[in-house]
């Protein structure tokens, strides 16, 4: 018998310590996302769902970020994502790995 886990169930196992005063990701210029970025790939590709689109505006909520760097890779045309690892002790704490 094969069992499969849903992504949401696996992500729920992880813990995240939010560094509210020092977000490790930010959108450099939100206006670029709204006016110049057709695909808005960060909202499509982020495995944690940190990016959402409201109208044409991209909204970033860093809670639950997996620190994979996908957003900075897919924003290759406009290079509009500023990304770094969280300060020591903050960020994702993987339960299984």
N, C-alpha and C. Protein backbone atom coordinates (compact mmCIF):
# COMPACT_ATOMS: atom_id res chain seq x y z
N UNK A 1 0.84 -1.17 0.00
CA UNK A 1 0.00 0.00 0.00
C UNK A 1 0.89 1.25 0.00
N UNK A 2 0.64 2.14 -0.92
CA UNK A 2 1.41 3.38 -1.03
C UNK A 2 0.60 4.52 -0.44
N UNK A 3 1.25 5.31 0.39
CA UNK A 3 0.59 6.49 0.92
C UNK A 3 1.31 7.72 0.40
N UNK A 4 0.56 8.75 0.19
CA UNK A 4 1.15 10.01 -0.26
C UNK A 4 0.75 11.11 0.70
N UNK A 5 1.65 12.02 0.89
CA UNK A 5 1.38 13.17 1.76
C UNK A 5 1.17 14.40 0.90
N UNK A 6 0.27 15.22 1.33
CA UNK A 6 0.04 16.48 0.63
C UNK A 6 1.11 17.47 1.06
N UNK A 7 1.46 18.38 0.17
CA UNK A 7 2.49 19.38 0.46
C UNK A 7 2.13 20.17 1.72
N UNK A 8 0.88 20.57 1.83
CA UNK A 8 0.46 21.37 2.98
C UNK A 8 0.69 20.62 4.29
N UNK A 9 0.45 19.30 4.29
CA UNK A 9 0.65 18.50 5.50
C UNK A 9 2.13 18.44 5.86
N UNK A 10 2.99 18.32 4.87
CA UNK A 10 4.42 18.28 5.13
C UNK A 10 4.93 19.62 5.62
N UNK A 11 4.46 20.71 5.02
CA UNK A 11 4.89 22.04 5.44
C UNK A 11 4.44 22.34 6.86
N UNK A 12 3.31 21.80 7.26
CA UNK A 12 2.78 22.04 8.60
C UNK A 12 3.72 21.49 9.67
N UNK A 13 4.54 20.49 9.32
CA UNK A 13 5.45 19.88 10.27
C UNK A 13 6.62 20.81 10.63
N UNK A 14 6.94 21.74 9.74
CA UNK A 14 8.06 22.66 9.96
C UNK A 14 7.65 23.78 10.90
N UNK A 15 8.63 24.39 11.52
CA UNK A 15 8.39 25.54 12.38
C UNK A 15 9.14 26.73 11.80
N UNK A 16 8.64 27.91 12.08
CA UNK A 16 9.22 29.11 11.52
C UNK A 16 9.30 30.17 12.60
N UNK A 17 10.49 30.70 12.83
CA UNK A 17 10.67 31.78 13.79
C UNK A 17 10.83 33.07 13.00
N UNK A 18 9.80 33.89 13.04
CA UNK A 18 9.75 35.12 12.26
C UNK A 18 10.60 36.21 12.90
N UNK A 19 11.42 36.84 12.10
CA UNK A 19 12.23 37.98 12.52
C UNK A 19 11.53 39.23 11.99
N UNK A 20 10.51 39.67 12.70
CA UNK A 20 9.63 40.73 12.22
C UNK A 20 10.34 42.04 11.91
N UNK A 21 11.40 42.35 12.65
CA UNK A 21 12.10 43.61 12.44
C UNK A 21 13.11 43.56 11.29
N UNK A 22 13.46 42.37 10.84
CA UNK A 22 14.46 42.20 9.78
C UNK A 22 14.01 41.16 8.76
N UNK A 23 13.04 41.47 7.92
CA UNK A 23 12.64 40.47 6.92
C UNK A 23 13.81 40.15 5.98
N UNK A 24 13.98 38.88 5.67
CA UNK A 24 15.11 38.47 4.84
C UNK A 24 14.82 38.54 3.35
N UNK A 25 13.60 38.85 3.00
CA UNK A 25 13.22 39.02 1.60
C UNK A 25 12.40 40.30 1.50
N UNK A 26 12.62 41.02 0.42
CA UNK A 26 11.75 42.16 0.15
C UNK A 26 11.70 42.41 -1.35
N UNK A 27 10.63 43.00 -1.77
CA UNK A 27 10.50 43.42 -3.17
C UNK A 27 11.10 44.81 -3.25
N UNK A 28 12.11 44.98 -4.09
CA UNK A 28 12.82 46.27 -4.18
C UNK A 28 11.89 47.40 -4.60
N UNK A 29 11.13 47.20 -5.68
CA UNK A 29 10.24 48.23 -6.19
C UNK A 29 8.91 47.58 -6.59
N UNK A 30 7.91 47.63 -5.71
CA UNK A 30 6.62 47.00 -6.00
C UNK A 30 5.96 47.49 -7.29
N UNK A 31 6.28 48.70 -7.69
CA UNK A 31 5.69 49.26 -8.92
C UNK A 31 6.15 48.48 -10.16
N UNK A 32 7.38 48.00 -10.15
CA UNK A 32 7.89 47.20 -11.28
C UNK A 32 7.05 45.93 -11.43
N UNK A 33 6.73 45.29 -10.32
CA UNK A 33 5.91 44.08 -10.37
C UNK A 33 4.53 44.36 -10.97
N UNK A 34 3.97 45.50 -10.62
CA UNK A 34 2.62 45.83 -11.07
C UNK A 34 2.57 46.28 -12.52
N UNK A 35 3.62 46.95 -12.99
CA UNK A 35 3.54 47.54 -14.33
C UNK A 35 4.40 46.86 -15.38
N UNK A 36 5.52 46.29 -15.00
CA UNK A 36 6.47 45.77 -15.98
C UNK A 36 6.59 44.26 -16.03
N UNK A 37 6.13 43.58 -15.00
CA UNK A 37 6.30 42.13 -14.94
C UNK A 37 5.02 41.44 -15.39
N UNK A 38 5.06 40.88 -16.57
CA UNK A 38 3.88 40.21 -17.13
C UNK A 38 3.56 38.90 -16.42
N UNK A 39 4.58 38.06 -16.21
CA UNK A 39 4.35 36.70 -15.71
C UNK A 39 4.14 36.63 -14.19
N UNK A 40 4.74 37.56 -13.46
CA UNK A 40 4.70 37.55 -12.00
C UNK A 40 4.98 36.14 -11.47
N UNK A 41 6.11 35.61 -11.93
CA UNK A 41 6.49 34.22 -11.66
C UNK A 41 6.71 33.92 -10.18
N UNK A 42 7.08 34.91 -9.41
CA UNK A 42 7.31 34.66 -7.98
C UNK A 42 6.04 34.13 -7.32
N UNK A 43 4.89 34.66 -7.73
CA UNK A 43 3.62 34.21 -7.16
C UNK A 43 3.25 32.81 -7.63
N UNK A 44 3.71 32.45 -8.80
CA UNK A 44 3.40 31.13 -9.35
C UNK A 44 4.36 30.07 -8.80
N UNK A 45 5.62 30.41 -8.66
CA UNK A 45 6.67 29.42 -8.37
C UNK A 45 7.00 29.24 -6.90
N UNK A 46 6.68 30.17 -6.04
CA UNK A 46 7.05 30.05 -4.63
C UNK A 46 6.37 28.83 -4.00
N UNK A 47 7.14 27.82 -3.57
CA UNK A 47 6.52 26.61 -3.02
C UNK A 47 5.79 26.84 -1.69
N UNK A 48 6.14 27.89 -0.98
CA UNK A 48 5.50 28.19 0.30
C UNK A 48 4.32 29.13 0.16
N UNK A 49 4.11 29.67 -1.04
CA UNK A 49 2.99 30.59 -1.26
C UNK A 49 3.17 31.93 -0.58
N UNK A 50 4.40 32.39 -0.45
CA UNK A 50 4.66 33.68 0.20
C UNK A 50 4.25 34.87 -0.66
N UNK A 51 4.18 34.66 -1.97
CA UNK A 51 3.80 35.72 -2.90
C UNK A 51 2.38 35.48 -3.40
N UNK A 52 1.57 36.53 -3.38
CA UNK A 52 0.23 36.47 -3.96
C UNK A 52 0.04 37.70 -4.83
N UNK A 53 -0.92 37.62 -5.72
CA UNK A 53 -1.22 38.74 -6.61
C UNK A 53 -2.61 39.26 -6.29
N UNK A 54 -2.70 40.54 -6.05
CA UNK A 54 -3.97 41.22 -5.81
C UNK A 54 -4.12 42.26 -6.90
N UNK A 55 -4.97 41.98 -7.86
CA UNK A 55 -5.05 42.82 -9.06
C UNK A 55 -3.79 42.59 -9.85
N UNK A 56 -2.96 43.61 -10.00
CA UNK A 56 -1.64 43.46 -10.62
C UNK A 56 -0.53 43.62 -9.59
N UNK A 57 -0.89 43.86 -8.35
CA UNK A 57 0.06 44.10 -7.28
C UNK A 57 0.54 42.77 -6.67
N UNK A 58 1.85 42.60 -6.53
CA UNK A 58 2.42 41.41 -5.89
C UNK A 58 2.59 41.72 -4.40
N UNK A 59 2.04 40.84 -3.57
CA UNK A 59 2.11 41.00 -2.13
C UNK A 59 3.01 39.90 -1.57
N UNK A 60 3.96 40.28 -0.73
CA UNK A 60 4.89 39.34 -0.12
C UNK A 60 4.66 39.26 1.37
N UNK A 61 4.44 38.05 1.86
CA UNK A 61 4.36 37.78 3.30
C UNK A 61 5.38 36.69 3.57
N UNK A 62 6.44 37.02 4.30
CA UNK A 62 7.57 36.11 4.46
C UNK A 62 7.33 35.00 5.47
N UNK A 63 6.24 35.03 6.20
CA UNK A 63 5.93 33.96 7.16
C UNK A 63 5.90 32.62 6.41
N UNK A 64 6.64 31.67 6.89
CA UNK A 64 6.61 30.34 6.28
C UNK A 64 7.55 30.15 5.10
N UNK A 65 8.39 31.13 4.82
CA UNK A 65 9.34 31.02 3.71
C UNK A 65 10.24 29.81 3.92
N UNK A 66 10.45 29.03 2.88
CA UNK A 66 11.29 27.84 2.96
C UNK A 66 12.77 28.13 2.69
N UNK A 67 13.08 29.39 2.39
CA UNK A 67 14.46 29.83 2.13
C UNK A 67 15.11 29.08 0.98
N UNK A 68 14.31 28.75 -0.02
CA UNK A 68 14.82 28.00 -1.16
C UNK A 68 15.45 28.89 -2.22
N UNK A 69 15.08 30.17 -2.24
CA UNK A 69 15.64 31.10 -3.21
C UNK A 69 14.96 31.09 -4.56
N UNK A 70 13.87 30.37 -4.70
CA UNK A 70 13.17 30.30 -5.98
C UNK A 70 12.77 31.68 -6.48
N UNK A 71 12.30 32.53 -5.60
CA UNK A 71 11.83 33.86 -6.00
C UNK A 71 12.93 34.68 -6.66
N UNK A 72 14.11 34.62 -6.13
CA UNK A 72 15.20 35.42 -6.72
C UNK A 72 15.67 34.83 -8.04
N UNK A 73 15.50 33.53 -8.23
CA UNK A 73 15.89 32.90 -9.48
C UNK A 73 14.88 33.22 -10.59
N UNK A 74 13.59 33.15 -10.28
CA UNK A 74 12.58 33.37 -11.32
C UNK A 74 12.38 34.85 -11.64
N UNK A 75 12.86 35.74 -10.78
CA UNK A 75 12.78 37.19 -11.05
C UNK A 75 14.04 37.62 -11.78
N UNK A 76 14.35 36.92 -12.86
CA UNK A 76 15.61 37.15 -13.57
C UNK A 76 15.56 38.34 -14.53
N UNK A 77 14.41 38.72 -14.99
CA UNK A 77 14.30 39.84 -15.93
C UNK A 77 14.46 41.18 -15.22
N UNK A 78 13.74 41.34 -14.12
CA UNK A 78 13.73 42.63 -13.42
C UNK A 78 14.66 42.67 -12.21
N UNK A 79 15.10 41.51 -11.74
CA UNK A 79 15.96 41.40 -10.56
C UNK A 79 15.42 42.33 -9.46
N UNK A 80 14.17 42.07 -9.09
CA UNK A 80 13.44 42.94 -8.18
C UNK A 80 13.24 42.33 -6.79
N UNK A 81 13.83 41.17 -6.55
CA UNK A 81 13.72 40.53 -5.24
C UNK A 81 15.06 40.62 -4.54
N UNK A 82 15.04 41.19 -3.35
CA UNK A 82 16.23 41.25 -2.51
C UNK A 82 16.11 40.13 -1.50
N UNK A 83 17.05 39.19 -1.52
CA UNK A 83 16.94 37.97 -0.73
C UNK A 83 18.24 37.67 -0.03
N UNK A 84 18.16 37.29 1.23
CA UNK A 84 19.33 36.82 1.97
C UNK A 84 18.83 35.82 3.01
N UNK A 85 19.74 35.06 3.57
CA UNK A 85 19.34 34.13 4.62
C UNK A 85 18.95 34.92 5.86
N UNK A 86 18.00 34.41 6.65
CA UNK A 86 17.63 35.09 7.90
C UNK A 86 18.79 35.10 8.88
N UNK A 87 18.70 36.00 9.83
CA UNK A 87 19.72 36.04 10.89
C UNK A 87 19.72 34.71 11.64
N UNK A 88 20.82 34.42 12.28
CA UNK A 88 20.99 33.16 13.01
C UNK A 88 19.86 32.96 14.03
N UNK A 89 19.27 31.79 14.00
CA UNK A 89 18.20 31.45 14.93
C UNK A 89 16.81 31.73 14.40
N UNK A 90 16.71 32.48 13.32
CA UNK A 90 15.41 32.82 12.74
C UNK A 90 15.20 32.02 11.46
N UNK A 91 13.97 32.03 10.99
CA UNK A 91 13.64 31.39 9.73
C UNK A 91 13.06 30.00 9.93
N UNK A 92 13.18 29.20 8.89
CA UNK A 92 12.59 27.87 8.87
C UNK A 92 13.37 26.91 9.75
N UNK A 93 12.65 26.07 10.45
CA UNK A 93 13.26 25.00 11.23
C UNK A 93 12.61 23.70 10.76
N UNK A 94 13.30 22.99 9.88
CA UNK A 94 12.75 21.78 9.29
C UNK A 94 12.69 20.67 10.33
N UNK A 95 11.56 20.03 10.41
CA UNK A 95 11.39 18.95 11.37
C UNK A 95 12.02 17.65 10.86
N UNK A 96 11.90 17.40 9.57
CA UNK A 96 12.40 16.15 8.98
C UNK A 96 13.52 16.44 8.00
N UNK A 97 14.66 16.84 8.47
CA UNK A 97 15.77 17.03 7.55
C UNK A 97 16.44 18.32 7.72
